[in-house]
Amino acid sequence: MKKEMSIQEGWKGRFYEDFKIGDIYAHPLGRTVTKTDNIYMTLLTQNTNPIHFDDHYSEQTEFGKPLVDSTFTVALVTGQSVTDLSQNAMANLGWDEIRLPSPVFEDDTIYSFSEVLEKRESKSRPNVGIVNVKTSGYNQRGEIVITFKRTFMIYKKDYAPKKENKLLAEVLEKASPKTE
């Protein structure tokens, strides 16, 4: 007799209908920033300020050590929010009011959360809605290190591209023992 197989779907993210104004999503993953992260982002973006990559120079500043490139902080905290907010986004429309109230240093661990501020139907695309959130990132000491507002266009459930994984079913079929 052949064993019954049931593939359980993983989290697929929220759709327009799932967002409620006032909801707060605690994003599940934290991330410790490394020296390599900081140097790499600085090189990628051609940021020539030595406060990000020159330890001797940084020791002479009021911080006494390198600051993490703020564009890395924006990218990291945005990335942390994707699983809860924009996994099903059609497009990002903008980041506004980016604030960096406390510095981020190498070896800080960053966590984040977002609050839904607004949502509305798209006037030009019936398959999506527009959501506006405020996202905040904080370090292991509980200090807010970044806040920003982000607006994105997100699919409605019935219009999202399908994320089928037929290959997984084939692999499992081949891997399962055949019993008669």
C-alpha atoms as a PDB file:
ATOM      1  CA  MET A   1       0.000   0.000   0.000  1.00  0.00           C
ATOM      2  CA  LYS A   2       1.325   3.407  -0.961  1.00  0.00           C
ATOM      3  CA  LYS A   3       1.888   5.962   1.834  1.00  0.00           C
ATOM      4  CA  GLU A   4      -0.385   9.029   1.639  1.00  0.00           C
ATOM      5  CA  MET A   5       1.565  12.210   1.114  1.00  0.00           C
ATOM      6  CA  SER A   6       0.409  15.659   2.191  1.00  0.00           C
ATOM      7  CA  ILE A   7       2.485  18.696   1.303  1.00  0.00           C
ATOM      8  CA  GLN A   8       1.886  21.501   3.807  1.00  0.00           C
ATOM      9  CA  GLU A   9       2.339  24.977   2.428  1.00  0.00           C
ATOM     10  CA  GLY A  10       4.617  27.453   4.176  1.00  0.00           C
ATOM     11  CA  TRP A  11       3.780  31.062   4.986  1.00  0.00           C
ATOM     12  CA  LYS A  12       2.925  32.895   1.767  1.00  0.00           C
ATOM     13  CA  GLY A  13       2.729  36.392   3.175  1.00  0.00           C
ATOM     14  CA  ARG A  14      -0.133  38.829   3.491  1.00  0.00           C
ATOM     15  CA  PHE A  15      -2.331  40.124   0.714  1.00  0.00           C
ATOM     16  CA  TYR A  16      -4.162  43.445   0.566  1.00  0.00           C
ATOM     17  CA  GLU A  17      -7.228  42.017   2.301  1.00  0.00           C
ATOM     18  CA  ASP A  18      -5.132  40.853   5.287  1.00  0.00           C
ATOM     19  CA  PHE A  19      -3.949  44.305   6.358  1.00  0.00           C
ATOM     20  CA  LYS A  20      -5.840  46.171   9.067  1.00  0.00           C
ATOM     21  CA  ILE A  21      -5.059  49.756  10.051  1.00  0.00           C
ATOM     22  CA  GLY A  22      -3.440  49.795  13.490  1.00  0.00           C
ATOM     23  CA  ASP A  23      -2.071  46.248  13.330  1.00  0.00           C
ATOM     24  CA  ILE A  24       1.535  45.874  14.456  1.00  0.00           C
ATOM     25  CA  TYR A  25       3.698  43.093  13.063  1.00  0.00           C
ATOM     26  CA  ALA A  26       6.734  42.001  15.068  1.00  0.00           C
ATOM     27  CA  HIS A  27       9.118  40.838  12.353  1.00  0.00           C
ATOM     28  CA  PRO A  28      10.515  37.442  13.352  1.00  0.00           C
ATOM     29  CA  LEU A  29      14.203  37.672  12.479  1.00  0.00           C
ATOM     30  CA  GLY A  30      16.952  39.676  14.129  1.00  0.00           C
ATOM     31  CA  ARG A  31      20.348  40.164  12.520  1.00  0.00           C
ATOM     32  CA  THR A  32      23.767  40.905  13.987  1.00  0.00           C
ATOM     33  CA  VAL A  33      25.668  43.376  11.830  1.00  0.00           C
ATOM     34  CA  THR A  34      29.262  42.395  11.056  1.00  0.00           C
ATOM     35  CA  LYS A  35      32.307  44.390  10.062  1.00  0.00           C
ATOM     36  CA  THR A  36      32.151  42.639   6.687  1.00  0.00           C
ATOM     37  CA  ASP A  37      28.522  43.774   6.179  1.00  0.00           C
ATOM     38  CA  ASN A  38      29.525  47.361   6.868  1.00  0.00           C
ATOM     39  CA  ILE A  39      32.587  47.389   4.628  1.00  0.00           C
ATOM     40  CA  TYR A  40      30.807  45.530   1.833  1.00  0.00           C
ATOM     41  CA  MET A  41      27.837  47.929   1.771  1.00  0.00           C
ATOM     42  CA  THR A  42      30.172  50.908   1.893  1.00  0.00           C
ATOM     43  CA  LEU A  43      32.125  49.567  -1.088  1.00  0.00           C
ATOM     44  CA  LEU A  44      28.983  48.604  -3.037  1.00  0.00           C
ATOM     45  CA  THR A  45      27.553  52.092  -2.695  1.00  0.00           C
ATOM     46  CA  GLN A  46      30.891  53.903  -3.208  1.00  0.00           C
ATOM     47  CA  ASN A  47      30.463  55.709   0.104  1.00  0.00           C
ATOM     48  CA  THR A  48      33.862  57.279   0.743  1.00  0.00           C
ATOM     49  CA  ASN A  49      33.288  58.476   4.326  1.00  0.00           C
ATOM     50  CA  PRO A  50      36.063  56.802   6.364  1.00  0.00           C
ATOM     51  CA  ILE A  51      33.839  56.638   9.469  1.00  0.00           C
ATOM     52  CA  HIS A  52      32.479  53.384   7.996  1.00  0.00           C
ATOM     53  CA  PHE A  53      35.706  51.546   7.142  1.00  0.00           C
ATOM     54  CA  ASP A  54      38.755  53.202   8.721  1.00  0.00           C
ATOM     55  CA  ASP A  55      39.138  52.068  12.342  1.00  0.00           C
ATOM     56  CA  HIS A  56      41.914  54.603  13.115  1.00  0.00           C
ATOM     57  CA  TYR A  57      39.856  57.479  11.736  1.00  0.00           C
ATOM     58  CA  SER A  58      36.706  56.261  13.542  1.00  0.00           C
ATOM     59  CA  GLU A  59      38.531  56.064  16.881  1.00  0.00           C
ATOM     60  CA  GLN A  60      39.065  59.836  16.653  1.00  0.00           C
ATOM     61  CA  THR A  61      35.328  60.586  16.357  1.00  0.00           C
ATOM     62  CA  GLU A  62      32.878  61.021  19.229  1.00  0.00           C
ATOM     63  CA  PHE A  63      31.708  57.443  18.580  1.00  0.00           C
ATOM     64  CA  GLY A  64      35.183  55.930  19.000  1.00  0.00           C
ATOM     65  CA  LYS A  65      34.467  53.164  16.496  1.00  0.00           C
ATOM     66  CA  PRO A  66      33.045  52.701  12.959  1.00  0.00           C
ATOM     67  CA  LEU A  67      29.424  53.582  12.306  1.00  0.00           C
ATOM     68  CA  VAL A  68      27.389  51.193  10.189  1.00  0.00           C
ATOM     69  CA  ASP A  69      26.525  52.674   6.800  1.00  0.00           C
ATOM     70  CA  SER A  70      22.963  53.973   7.203  1.00  0.00           C
ATOM     71  CA  THR A  71      21.911  52.635   3.799  1.00  0.00           C
ATOM     72  CA  PHE A  72      22.675  49.150   5.149  1.00  0.00           C
ATOM     73  CA  THR A  73      20.349  49.829   8.085  1.00  0.00           C
ATOM     74  CA  VAL A  74      17.546  50.910   5.718  1.00  0.00           C
ATOM     75  CA  ALA A  75      18.055  47.805   3.570  1.00  0.00           C
ATOM     76  CA  LEU A  76      18.293  45.420   6.532  1.00  0.00           C
ATOM     77  CA  VAL A  77      15.167  46.655   8.296  1.00  0.00           C
ATOM     78  CA  THR A  78      13.225  46.738   5.018  1.00  0.00           C
ATOM     79  CA  GLY A  79      14.339  43.156   4.360  1.00  0.00           C
ATOM     80  CA  GLN A  80      13.298  42.039   7.838  1.00  0.00           C
ATOM     81  CA  SER A  81       9.792  43.319   7.125  1.00  0.00           C
ATOM     82  CA  VAL A  82       9.239  41.576   3.778  1.00  0.00           C
ATOM     83  CA  THR A  83       7.926  38.304   5.197  1.00  0.00           C
ATOM     84  CA  ASP A  84       5.158  40.173   7.039  1.00  0.00           C
ATOM     85  CA  LEU A  85       4.476  43.096   4.717  1.00  0.00           C
ATOM     86  CA  SER A  86       5.560  42.901   1.125  1.00  0.00           C
ATOM     87  CA  GLN A  87       6.049  39.224   0.281  1.00  0.00           C
ATOM     88  CA  ASN A  88       3.219  39.705  -2.229  1.00  0.00           C
ATOM     89  CA  ALA A  89       3.994  43.264  -3.294  1.00  0.00           C
ATOM     90  CA  MET A  90       3.704  44.259  -6.916  1.00  0.00           C
ATOM     91  CA  ALA A  91       5.958  47.281  -6.348  1.00  0.00           C
ATOM     92  CA  ASN A  92       7.421  49.548  -3.719  1.00  0.00           C
ATOM     93  CA  LEU A  93       6.176  53.103  -4.194  1.00  0.00           C
ATOM     94  CA  GLY A  94       8.388  54.938  -1.735  1.00  0.00           C
ATOM     95  CA  TRP A  95      10.215  55.343   1.539  1.00  0.00           C
ATOM     96  CA  ASP A  96       9.497  58.551   3.431  1.00  0.00           C
ATOM     97  CA  GLU A  97      10.547  60.250   6.647  1.00  0.00           C
ATOM     98  CA  ILE A  98      13.623  58.078   7.221  1.00  0.00           C
ATOM     99  CA  ARG A  99      15.028  58.924  10.660  1.00  0.00           C
ATOM    100  CA  LEU A 100      18.131  57.541  12.367  1.00  0.00           C
ATOM    101  CA  PRO A 101      17.772  58.541  16.046  1.00  0.00           C
ATOM    102  CA  SER A 102      20.612  56.320  17.352  1.00  0.00           C
ATOM    103  CA  PRO A 103      23.724  55.020  15.599  1.00  0.00           C
ATOM    104  CA  VAL A 104      24.229  51.404  14.575  1.00  0.00           C
ATOM    105  CA  PHE A 105      27.620  49.851  15.279  1.00  0.00           C
ATOM    106  CA  GLU A 106      29.263  46.672  14.111  1.00  0.00           C
ATOM    107  CA  ASP A 107      28.131  43.766  16.347  1.00  0.00           C
ATOM    108  CA  ASP A 108      24.747  45.378  17.093  1.00  0.00           C
ATOM    109  CA  THR A 109      21.789  43.060  16.579  1.00  0.00           C
ATOM    110  CA  ILE A 110      18.863  44.720  14.837  1.00  0.00           C
ATOM    111  CA  TYR A 111      15.198  43.741  15.249  1.00  0.00           C
ATOM    112  CA  SER A 112      12.140  45.457  13.780  1.00  0.00           C
ATOM    113  CA  PHE A 113       8.369  45.891  13.755  1.00  0.00           C
ATOM    114  CA  SER A 114       5.840  47.689  11.559  1.00  0.00           C
ATOM    115  CA  GLU A 115       2.494  49.372  12.100  1.00  0.00           C
ATOM    116  CA  VAL A 116      -0.142  49.596   9.364  1.00  0.00           C
ATOM    117  CA  LEU A 117      -1.027  53.292   8.954  1.00  0.00           C
ATOM    118  CA  GLU A 118      -3.249  53.345   5.881  1.00  0.00           C
ATOM    119  CA  LYS A 119      -4.618  51.173   3.110  1.00  0.00           C
ATOM    120  CA  ARG A 120      -6.699  51.917   0.062  1.00  0.00           C
ATOM    121  CA  GLU A 121      -7.799  50.444  -3.211  1.00  0.00           C
ATOM    122  CA  SER A 122      -5.674  51.348  -6.222  1.00  0.00           C
ATOM    123  CA  LYS A 123      -7.504  53.766  -8.521  1.00  0.00           C
ATOM    124  CA  SER A 124      -5.774  52.457 -11.645  1.00  0.00           C
ATOM    125  CA  ARG A 125      -5.269  48.751 -10.930  1.00  0.00           C
ATOM    126  CA  PRO A 126      -8.151  46.635  -9.622  1.00  0.00           C
ATOM    127  CA  ASN A 127      -5.782  43.733  -8.839  1.00  0.00           C
ATOM    128  CA  VAL A 128      -3.844  45.554  -6.098  1.00  0.00           C
ATOM    129  CA  GLY A 129      -4.230  47.827  -3.119  1.00  0.00           C
ATOM    130  CA  ILE A 130      -1.877  50.389  -1.617  1.00  0.00           C
ATOM    131  CA  VAL A 131      -0.608  50.013   1.940  1.00  0.00           C
ATOM    132  CA  ASN A 132       1.365  52.525   4.015  1.00  0.00           C
ATOM    133  CA  VAL A 133       3.295  51.396   7.089  1.00  0.00           C
ATOM    134  CA  LYS A 134       5.688  52.815   9.640  1.00  0.00           C
ATOM    135  CA  THR A 135       8.624  50.511  10.311  1.00  0.00           C
ATOM    136  CA  SER A 136      10.992  50.823  13.262  1.00  0.00           C
ATOM    137  CA  GLY A 137      14.278  49.058  13.886  1.00  0.00           C
ATOM    138  CA  TYR A 138      15.885  48.714  17.292  1.00  0.00           C
ATOM    139  CA  ASN A 139      19.062  47.246  18.704  1.00  0.00           C
ATOM    140  CA  GLN A 140      19.728  44.699  21.443  1.00  0.00           C
ATOM    141  CA  ARG A 141      19.681  47.518  24.016  1.00  0.00           C
ATOM    142  CA  GLY A 142      16.115  48.483  23.004  1.00  0.00           C
ATOM    143  CA  GLU A 143      17.201  51.743  21.345  1.00  0.00           C
ATOM    144  CA  ILE A 144      15.299  52.751  18.214  1.00  0.00           C
ATOM    145  CA  VAL A 145      17.942  53.075  15.478  1.00  0.00           C
ATOM    146  CA  ILE A 146      15.719  53.762  12.467  1.00  0.00           C
ATOM    147  CA  THR A 147      12.141  54.646  11.581  1.00  0.00           C
ATOM    148  CA  PHE A 148      10.611  55.159   8.161  1.00  0.00           C
ATOM    149  CA  LYS A 149       7.326  55.091   6.353  1.00  0.00           C
ATOM    150  CA  ARG A 150       6.999  52.823   3.350  1.00  0.00           C
ATOM    151  CA  THR A 151       4.268  52.645   0.752  1.00  0.00           C
ATOM    152  CA  PHE A 152       3.810  49.622  -1.472  1.00  0.00           C
ATOM    153  CA  MET A 153       1.347  48.215  -3.952  1.00  0.00           C
ATOM    154  CA  ILE A 154       0.270  44.721  -2.935  1.00  0.00           C
ATOM    155  CA  TYR A 155      -1.717  42.048  -4.722  1.00  0.00           C
ATOM    156  CA  LYS A 156      -5.224  41.096  -3.749  1.00  0.00           C
ATOM    157  CA  LYS A 157      -5.548  37.363  -3.029  1.00  0.00           C
ATOM    158  CA  ASP A 158      -7.376  36.419  -6.206  1.00  0.00           C
ATOM    159  CA  TYR A 159      -4.907  38.261  -8.451  1.00  0.00           C
ATOM    160  CA  ALA A 160      -1.488  37.267  -7.105  1.00  0.00           C
ATOM    161  CA  PRO A 161       0.818  35.245  -9.325  1.00  0.00           C
ATOM    162  CA  LYS A 162       0.638  31.559  -8.409  1.00  0.00           C
ATOM    163  CA  LYS A 163       3.556  30.116  -6.433  1.00  0.00           C
ATOM    164  CA  GLU A 164       3.154  26.466  -7.290  1.00  0.00           C
ATOM    165  CA  ASN A 165       5.926  24.025  -6.541  1.00  0.00           C
ATOM    166  CA  LYS A 166       5.244  21.031  -8.765  1.00  0.00           C
ATOM    167  CA  LEU A 167       8.918  20.086  -8.601  1.00  0.00           C
ATOM    168  CA  LEU A 168       8.651  19.408  -4.848  1.00  0.00           C
ATOM    169  CA  ALA A 169       5.832  16.923  -5.425  1.00  0.00           C
ATOM    170  CA  GLU A 170       7.942  15.131  -8.047  1.00  0.00           C
ATOM    171  CA  VAL A 171      10.977  14.960  -5.760  1.00  0.00           C
ATOM    172  CA  LEU A 172       8.902  13.628  -2.867  1.00  0.00           C
ATOM    173  CA  GLU A 173       7.260  11.066  -5.127  1.00  0.00           C
ATOM    174  CA  LYS A 174      10.670   9.742  -6.228  1.00  0.00           C
ATOM    175  CA  ALA A 175      12.028   9.767  -2.652  1.00  0.00           C
ATOM    176  CA  SER A 176       9.138   8.004  -0.941  1.00  0.00           C
ATOM    177  CA  PRO A 177       9.449   4.258  -0.464  1.00  0.00           C
ATOM    178  CA  LYS A 178       7.183   2.164  -2.645  1.00  0.00           C
ATOM    179  CA  THR A 179       5.242  -0.460  -0.675  1.00  0.00           C
ATOM    180  CA  GLU A 180       2.586  -2.784  -1.991  1.00  0.00           C
END
